[in-house]
Amino acid sequence: MGIIFTLDQNFLNSKCLSSYKSTQIMAKIIIKAMKDGPCVVTVDGQKIAALCRCGASNNKPRCDGTHEKVGFKADESQIEA
């Protein structure tokens, strides 16, 4: 299980990180809502999690495939950061 967090620009510019500015690493994060399925979270091309969107998973917040059994329907969309 991974942890995903964001840091605001004020924190990144703060004096406590001034010595680390040259080594900042920015990960490419994609959250893709699959058509009729879960939200798939990838970080730097690696799948981190498939999160339930149908509300019927027995393994929330993770998808367990129940969306197929309950006939969940939703459009596909994607967010990149």
Protein backbone atom coordinates (compact mmCIF):
# COMPACT_ATOMS: atom_id res chain seq x y z
CA MET A 1 0.00 0.00 0.00
CA GLY A 2 1.44 3.36 -1.01
CA ILE A 3 0.97 6.85 0.33
CA ILE A 4 0.35 9.73 -2.04
CA PHE A 5 0.78 13.32 -0.87
CA THR A 6 1.35 16.75 -2.32
CA LEU A 7 3.47 19.65 -1.11
CA ASP A 8 2.45 23.24 -1.78
CA GLN A 9 4.87 25.70 -3.39
CA ASN A 10 5.32 27.70 -0.13
CA PHE A 11 6.61 24.57 1.61
CA LEU A 12 8.90 23.71 -1.28
CA ASN A 13 10.35 27.25 -1.18
CA SER A 14 10.77 27.32 2.61
CA LYS A 15 14.19 27.71 4.26
CA CYS A 16 14.03 24.22 5.75
CA LEU A 17 14.33 22.80 2.23
CA SER A 18 16.76 25.36 0.80
CA SER A 19 19.68 22.94 0.83
CA TYR A 20 17.62 20.29 -1.01
CA LYS A 21 16.28 22.41 -3.87
CA SER A 22 18.78 21.04 -6.34
CA THR A 23 17.65 17.48 -5.58
CA GLN A 24 13.86 17.88 -5.73
CA ILE A 25 12.19 14.99 -7.49
CA MET A 26 8.79 15.44 -9.07
CA ALA A 27 6.81 12.28 -9.72
CA LYS A 28 4.38 12.03 -12.63
CA ILE A 29 1.03 11.06 -11.12
CA ILE A 30 -1.92 9.95 -13.26
CA ILE A 31 -5.37 9.16 -11.91
CA LYS A 32 -7.45 7.55 -14.64
CA ALA A 33 -11.11 6.77 -14.15
CA MET A 34 -11.62 3.73 -16.36
CA LYS A 35 -14.81 3.38 -18.40
CA ASP A 36 -17.30 1.45 -16.27
CA GLY A 37 -14.52 0.63 -13.79
CA PRO A 38 -12.17 1.83 -11.05
CA CYS A 39 -9.83 4.82 -10.75
CA VAL A 40 -6.34 3.56 -11.56
CA VAL A 41 -3.51 5.49 -9.88
CA THR A 42 -0.06 5.38 -11.49
CA VAL A 43 3.11 7.08 -10.27
CA ASP A 44 5.99 7.35 -12.73
CA GLY A 45 4.40 4.67 -14.92
CA GLN A 46 3.93 2.17 -12.09
CA LYS A 47 0.39 1.13 -11.13
CA ILE A 48 -0.06 1.93 -7.45
CA ALA A 49 -3.75 1.20 -6.87
CA ALA A 50 -7.15 0.59 -8.44
CA LEU A 51 -9.72 2.47 -6.36
CA CYS A 52 -13.42 1.57 -6.24
CA ARG A 53 -15.84 3.97 -7.94
CA CYS A 54 -18.99 1.82 -7.84
CA GLY A 55 -19.28 1.69 -4.05
CA ALA A 56 -19.89 -2.08 -4.03
CA SER A 57 -16.34 -3.38 -3.46
CA ASN A 58 -15.85 -5.68 -0.48
CA ASN A 59 -12.26 -4.44 -0.29
CA LYS A 60 -12.79 -0.65 -0.15
CA PRO A 61 -11.15 1.62 -1.01
CA ARG A 62 -9.59 -0.83 -3.47
CA CYS A 63 -11.47 -2.29 -6.41
CA ASP A 64 -12.29 -6.00 -6.27
CA GLY A 65 -14.06 -6.23 -9.66
CA THR A 66 -17.59 -6.05 -8.22
CA HIS A 67 -18.40 -3.20 -10.63
CA GLU A 68 -18.80 -5.83 -13.36
CA LYS A 69 -21.33 -7.81 -11.31
CA VAL A 70 -23.44 -4.78 -10.36
CA GLY A 71 -23.45 -3.26 -13.86
CA PHE A 72 -21.65 -0.03 -12.89
CA LYS A 73 -21.59 2.50 -15.74
CA ALA A 74 -19.46 5.67 -15.87
CA ASP A 75 -17.42 7.61 -18.40
CA GLU A 76 -13.64 7.56 -18.65
CA SER A 77 -11.59 10.58 -17.55
CA GLN A 78 -8.01 11.33 -16.53
CA ILE A 79 -6.06 13.74 -14.30
CA GLU A 80 -2.29 14.22 -14.61
CA ALA A 81 -0.02 16.02 -12.18
